[in-house]
Amino acid sequence: MIKPIARRIWKAAALLALPCVCLAYDGYATGLLVSQLDVNTGSASFRIYFSGGGPVCASYTWGYLAVGDINYSTLVATILMAKTTGSTVDVTSNFDAQGFCHIYDVVVH
C-alpha cells in the first residue's frame, strides 16, 4: 500500500511542477518604448533597444530576435509598428548561451 501512495504523490508533484518549468523566463519588462533598431548579419540579427520601463533582462536595455525564431517576420513587423507609432510594448525574454537577451514574446499597447 505504501508504494502506490508514494507513486501517486510523485505523479502529483511532477504535474504541479510542469507549469513552473514551462513559464520560466529570465526577463519580463512592461511599458517599454522602442528607441533604436540594429539590423546585421550576425546571430543576433535584429537588435531592439528600449527606453522607459525597466531592463529587458537583468541590466540589459536591448534584446534581439534571430532569423530562425518562430514567427520571426511577425515579431519584426510588430516591433517596427511599435517603433513607428510610438506604442509601448511588453517584452518576455531569456538569456541565450552567450548571456544576451533573446526576445520571445512582444505585446503592443
N, C-alpha and C. Protein backbone atom coordinates (compact mmCIF):
# COMPACT_ATOMS: atom_id res chain seq x y z
N MET A 1 0.80 -1.20 0.00
CA MET A 1 0.00 0.00 0.00
C MET A 1 0.85 1.27 0.00
N ILE A 2 2.01 1.23 0.60
CA ILE A 2 2.83 2.43 0.67
C ILE A 2 3.34 2.80 -0.72
N LYS A 3 3.75 1.83 -1.52
CA LYS A 3 4.29 2.13 -2.84
C LYS A 3 3.28 2.82 -3.75
N PRO A 4 2.03 2.36 -3.86
CA PRO A 4 1.09 3.07 -4.71
C PRO A 4 0.83 4.51 -4.24
N ILE A 5 0.80 4.74 -2.94
CA ILE A 5 0.57 6.09 -2.43
C ILE A 5 1.77 6.98 -2.76
N ALA A 6 2.96 6.46 -2.56
CA ALA A 6 4.16 7.23 -2.88
C ALA A 6 4.22 7.55 -4.38
N ARG A 7 3.83 6.60 -5.21
CA ARG A 7 3.83 6.80 -6.65
C ARG A 7 2.84 7.91 -7.02
N ARG A 8 1.66 7.92 -6.39
CA ARG A 8 0.67 8.97 -6.65
C ARG A 8 1.17 10.34 -6.23
N ILE A 9 1.86 10.39 -5.12
CA ILE A 9 2.41 11.66 -4.63
C ILE A 9 3.45 12.18 -5.62
N TRP A 10 4.32 11.31 -6.12
CA TRP A 10 5.33 11.73 -7.09
C TRP A 10 4.68 12.21 -8.39
N LYS A 11 3.66 11.51 -8.84
CA LYS A 11 2.96 11.93 -10.06
C LYS A 11 2.32 13.30 -9.87
N ALA A 12 1.68 13.50 -8.74
CA ALA A 12 1.04 14.79 -8.46
C ALA A 12 2.08 15.91 -8.38
N ALA A 13 3.21 15.64 -7.75
CA ALA A 13 4.27 16.64 -7.64
C ALA A 13 4.84 16.98 -9.01
N ALA A 14 5.00 15.99 -9.85
CA ALA A 14 5.52 16.23 -11.20
C ALA A 14 4.55 17.07 -12.03
N LEU A 15 3.27 16.77 -11.92
CA LEU A 15 2.27 17.54 -12.67
C LEU A 15 2.18 18.98 -12.18
N LEU A 16 2.32 19.20 -10.89
CA LEU A 16 2.28 20.54 -10.35
C LEU A 16 3.52 21.34 -10.71
N ALA A 17 4.65 20.67 -10.91
CA ALA A 17 5.89 21.36 -11.23
C ALA A 17 5.96 21.78 -12.69
N LEU A 18 5.22 21.13 -13.58
CA LEU A 18 5.28 21.44 -15.01
C LEU A 18 4.99 22.89 -15.35
N PRO A 19 3.93 23.51 -14.83
CA PRO A 19 3.69 24.91 -15.20
C PRO A 19 4.83 25.84 -14.81
N CYS A 20 5.51 25.54 -13.72
CA CYS A 20 6.62 26.38 -13.30
C CYS A 20 7.77 26.31 -14.28
N VAL A 21 8.05 25.11 -14.82
CA VAL A 21 9.12 24.95 -15.78
C VAL A 21 8.75 25.60 -17.10
N CYS A 22 7.54 25.44 -17.56
CA CYS A 22 7.11 25.95 -18.85
C CYS A 22 7.04 27.48 -18.89
N LEU A 23 6.84 28.10 -17.77
CA LEU A 23 6.66 29.55 -17.74
C LEU A 23 7.89 30.29 -17.21
N ALA A 24 9.03 29.62 -17.19
CA ALA A 24 10.23 30.24 -16.65
C ALA A 24 10.90 31.11 -17.70
N TYR A 25 10.96 32.41 -17.43
CA TYR A 25 11.64 33.36 -18.30
C TYR A 25 12.62 34.16 -17.46
N ASP A 26 13.67 34.66 -18.11
CA ASP A 26 14.67 35.46 -17.40
C ASP A 26 14.28 36.92 -17.29
N GLY A 27 13.43 37.37 -18.19
CA GLY A 27 13.07 38.78 -18.17
C GLY A 27 11.66 39.04 -18.63
N TYR A 28 11.02 39.98 -17.97
CA TYR A 28 9.71 40.46 -18.40
C TYR A 28 9.66 41.94 -18.05
N ALA A 29 9.56 42.76 -19.07
CA ALA A 29 9.54 44.21 -18.86
C ALA A 29 8.30 44.80 -19.52
N THR A 30 7.71 45.79 -18.87
CA THR A 30 6.49 46.41 -19.39
C THR A 30 6.70 47.91 -19.61
N GLY A 31 5.88 48.48 -20.45
CA GLY A 31 5.90 49.91 -20.69
C GLY A 31 7.14 50.42 -21.39
N LEU A 32 7.74 49.60 -22.24
CA LEU A 32 8.96 49.99 -22.95
C LEU A 32 8.64 50.70 -24.26
N LEU A 33 9.50 51.61 -24.64
CA LEU A 33 9.43 52.25 -25.96
C LEU A 33 10.59 51.73 -26.80
N VAL A 34 10.35 51.45 -28.06
CA VAL A 34 11.42 51.02 -28.97
C VAL A 34 12.18 52.28 -29.36
N SER A 35 13.45 52.38 -28.93
CA SER A 35 14.22 53.60 -29.17
C SER A 35 15.17 53.49 -30.36
N GLN A 36 15.65 52.28 -30.65
CA GLN A 36 16.61 52.12 -31.74
C GLN A 36 16.55 50.69 -32.25
N LEU A 37 16.80 50.51 -33.55
CA LEU A 37 16.85 49.19 -34.17
C LEU A 37 18.21 49.01 -34.82
N ASP A 38 18.76 47.81 -34.70
CA ASP A 38 20.07 47.49 -35.29
C ASP A 38 19.92 46.18 -36.04
N VAL A 39 20.09 46.22 -37.36
CA VAL A 39 19.96 45.03 -38.19
C VAL A 39 21.34 44.67 -38.72
N ASN A 40 21.74 43.41 -38.55
CA ASN A 40 23.06 42.97 -39.02
C ASN A 40 22.99 41.53 -39.50
N THR A 41 24.11 40.97 -39.87
CA THR A 41 24.14 39.60 -40.40
C THR A 41 24.59 38.59 -39.35
N GLY A 42 24.75 38.99 -38.11
CA GLY A 42 25.20 38.07 -37.06
C GLY A 42 24.07 37.22 -36.54
N SER A 43 24.36 36.46 -35.49
CA SER A 43 23.35 35.57 -34.92
C SER A 43 22.22 36.35 -34.25
N ALA A 44 22.54 37.50 -33.70
CA ALA A 44 21.51 38.39 -33.13
C ALA A 44 21.16 39.41 -34.19
N SER A 45 20.52 38.96 -35.26
CA SER A 45 20.40 39.76 -36.48
C SER A 45 19.48 40.97 -36.38
N PHE A 46 18.57 41.00 -35.44
CA PHE A 46 17.65 42.12 -35.30
C PHE A 46 17.65 42.54 -33.83
N ARG A 47 18.43 43.56 -33.51
CA ARG A 47 18.52 44.04 -32.13
C ARG A 47 17.55 45.19 -31.92
N ILE A 48 16.90 45.16 -30.76
CA ILE A 48 15.95 46.19 -30.41
C ILE A 48 16.42 46.84 -29.11
N TYR A 49 16.59 48.15 -29.14
CA TYR A 49 16.96 48.90 -27.95
C TYR A 49 15.71 49.58 -27.42
N PHE A 50 15.57 49.55 -26.09
CA PHE A 50 14.37 50.07 -25.45
C PHE A 50 14.70 51.21 -24.50
N SER A 51 13.71 52.06 -24.27
CA SER A 51 13.82 53.11 -23.26
C SER A 51 12.52 53.11 -22.46
N GLY A 52 12.57 53.73 -21.30
CA GLY A 52 11.40 53.72 -20.42
C GLY A 52 11.24 52.34 -19.81
N GLY A 53 10.34 52.20 -18.88
CA GLY A 53 10.15 50.89 -18.25
C GLY A 53 11.42 50.41 -17.58
N GLY A 54 11.53 49.12 -17.40
CA GLY A 54 12.69 48.54 -16.75
C GLY A 54 13.57 47.83 -17.76
N PRO A 55 14.65 47.20 -17.28
CA PRO A 55 15.53 46.46 -18.18
C PRO A 55 14.82 45.22 -18.76
N VAL A 56 15.25 44.80 -19.93
CA VAL A 56 14.64 43.65 -20.59
C VAL A 56 15.07 42.36 -19.90
N CYS A 57 16.36 42.18 -19.69
CA CYS A 57 16.92 41.05 -18.92
C CYS A 57 17.99 41.63 -18.00
N ALA A 58 17.91 41.35 -16.74
CA ALA A 58 18.89 41.85 -15.78
C ALA A 58 19.12 43.34 -16.02
N SER A 59 20.30 43.73 -16.47
CA SER A 59 20.57 45.16 -16.69
C SER A 59 20.55 45.55 -18.17
N TYR A 60 20.23 44.61 -19.06
CA TYR A 60 20.21 44.91 -20.50
C TYR A 60 19.01 45.79 -20.86
N THR A 61 19.27 46.81 -21.68
CA THR A 61 18.18 47.64 -22.21
C THR A 61 17.91 47.30 -23.67
N TRP A 62 18.47 46.19 -24.15
CA TRP A 62 18.24 45.73 -25.51
C TRP A 62 18.06 44.22 -25.52
N GLY A 63 17.44 43.76 -26.56
CA GLY A 63 17.27 42.33 -26.78
C GLY A 63 17.31 42.07 -28.28
N TYR A 64 17.27 40.80 -28.66
CA TYR A 64 17.37 40.51 -30.08
C TYR A 64 16.38 39.43 -30.51
N LEU A 65 16.14 39.42 -31.82
CA LEU A 65 15.40 38.35 -32.48
C LEU A 65 16.36 37.70 -33.46
N ALA A 66 16.30 36.38 -33.60
CA ALA A 66 17.15 35.66 -34.54
C ALA A 66 16.30 35.19 -35.72
N VAL A 67 16.89 35.12 -36.89
CA VAL A 67 16.17 34.75 -38.11
C VAL A 67 15.46 33.41 -37.96
N GLY A 68 16.02 32.49 -37.22
CA GLY A 68 15.43 31.17 -37.05
C GLY A 68 14.28 31.10 -36.04
N ASP A 69 13.95 32.21 -35.40
CA ASP A 69 12.87 32.21 -34.40
C ASP A 69 11.52 31.91 -35.06
N ILE A 70 10.68 31.22 -34.33
CA ILE A 70 9.30 31.01 -34.77
C ILE A 70 8.63 32.39 -34.83
N ASN A 71 7.90 32.66 -35.88
CA ASN A 71 7.21 33.95 -36.08
C ASN A 71 8.16 35.13 -36.17
N TYR A 72 9.39 34.90 -36.65
CA TYR A 72 10.38 35.98 -36.75
C TYR A 72 9.81 37.18 -37.52
N SER A 73 9.24 36.92 -38.69
CA SER A 73 8.72 38.02 -39.52
C SER A 73 7.61 38.79 -38.82
N THR A 74 6.75 38.06 -38.12
CA THR A 74 5.66 38.71 -37.39
C THR A 74 6.19 39.55 -36.24
N LEU A 75 7.17 39.02 -35.51
CA LEU A 75 7.76 39.77 -34.40
C LEU A 75 8.46 41.03 -34.91
N VAL A 76 9.20 40.92 -36.02
CA VAL A 76 9.88 42.08 -36.59
C VAL A 76 8.85 43.13 -37.01
N ALA A 77 7.78 42.70 -37.69
CA ALA A 77 6.74 43.63 -38.12
C ALA A 77 6.08 44.30 -36.91
N THR A 78 5.87 43.56 -35.85
CA THR A 78 5.26 44.10 -34.63
C THR A 78 6.16 45.16 -34.00
N ILE A 79 7.45 44.87 -33.93
CA ILE A 79 8.40 45.83 -33.37
C ILE A 79 8.48 47.09 -34.24
N LEU A 80 8.50 46.91 -35.56
CA LEU A 80 8.54 48.06 -36.47
C LEU A 80 7.29 48.93 -36.31
N MET A 81 6.13 48.28 -36.16
CA MET A 81 4.89 49.02 -35.98
C MET A 81 4.91 49.79 -34.65
N ALA A 82 5.42 49.17 -33.60
CA ALA A 82 5.50 49.84 -32.30
C ALA A 82 6.45 51.04 -32.37
N LYS A 83 7.56 50.89 -33.08
CA LYS A 83 8.52 51.99 -33.25
C LYS A 83 7.88 53.13 -34.03
N THR A 84 7.19 52.80 -35.11
CA THR A 84 6.58 53.82 -35.97
C THR A 84 5.48 54.60 -35.27
N THR A 85 4.66 53.89 -34.49
CA THR A 85 3.52 54.54 -33.84
C THR A 85 3.85 55.10 -32.46
N GLY A 86 5.02 54.75 -31.93
CA GLY A 86 5.38 55.21 -30.59
C GLY A 86 4.64 54.48 -29.48
N SER A 87 4.12 53.29 -29.79
CA SER A 87 3.38 52.50 -28.80
C SER A 87 4.34 51.86 -27.80
N THR A 88 3.87 51.67 -26.58
CA THR A 88 4.66 50.95 -25.59
C THR A 88 4.50 49.45 -25.81
N VAL A 89 5.51 48.70 -25.38
CA VAL A 89 5.49 47.24 -25.53
C VAL A 89 5.85 46.57 -24.22
N ASP A 90 5.40 45.34 -24.08
CA ASP A 90 5.83 44.44 -23.02
C ASP A 90 6.66 43.36 -23.69
N VAL A 91 7.77 42.98 -23.08
CA VAL A 91 8.69 42.03 -23.69
C VAL A 91 9.01 40.91 -22.71
N THR A 92 8.95 39.67 -23.20
CA THR A 92 9.35 38.49 -22.44
C THR A 92 10.60 37.94 -23.10
N SER A 93 11.62 37.60 -22.30
CA SER A 93 12.89 37.18 -22.87
C SER A 93 13.62 36.19 -21.98
N ASN A 94 14.63 35.54 -22.58
CA ASN A 94 15.53 34.63 -21.88
C ASN A 94 16.97 34.95 -22.25
N PHE A 95 17.90 34.60 -21.37
CA PHE A 95 19.31 34.73 -21.70
C PHE A 95 19.68 33.59 -22.65
N ASP A 96 20.50 33.89 -23.67
CA ASP A 96 20.99 32.85 -24.55
C ASP A 96 22.30 32.29 -23.99
N ALA A 97 22.95 31.42 -24.75
CA ALA A 97 24.18 30.77 -24.28
C ALA A 97 25.32 31.77 -24.05
N GLN A 98 25.31 32.90 -24.77
CA GLN A 98 26.34 33.92 -24.60
C GLN A 98 25.98 34.95 -23.53
N GLY A 99 24.80 34.82 -22.94
CA GLY A 99 24.38 35.75 -21.90
C GLY A 99 23.63 36.97 -22.41
N PHE A 100 23.25 36.95 -23.70
CA PHE A 100 22.49 38.06 -24.27
C PHE A 100 21.00 37.80 -24.14
N CYS A 101 20.21 38.82 -24.31
CA CYS A 101 18.77 38.78 -24.07
C CYS A 101 18.01 38.45 -25.37
N HIS A 102 17.49 37.24 -25.44
CA HIS A 102 16.75 36.76 -26.62
C HIS A 102 15.25 36.96 -26.38
N ILE A 103 14.62 37.76 -27.21
CA ILE A 103 13.21 38.10 -27.05
C ILE A 103 12.33 37.00 -27.64
N TYR A 104 11.32 36.59 -26.87
CA TYR A 104 10.41 35.53 -27.31
C TYR A 104 8.98 36.00 -27.51
N ASP A 105 8.60 37.07 -26.84
CA ASP A 105 7.21 37.49 -26.88
C ASP A 105 7.14 39.01 -26.78
N VAL A 106 6.28 39.60 -27.61
CA VAL A 106 6.10 41.05 -27.61
C VAL A 106 4.61 41.36 -27.59
N VAL A 107 4.20 42.25 -26.70
CA VAL A 107 2.82 42.72 -26.64
C VAL A 107 2.84 44.22 -26.87
N VAL A 108 2.05 44.71 -27.82
CA VAL A 108 1.99 46.14 -28.12
C VAL A 108 0.75 46.72 -27.48
N HIS A 109 0.89 47.90 -26.88
CA HIS A 109 -0.26 48.59 -26.26
C HIS A 109 -0.65 49.80 -27.07
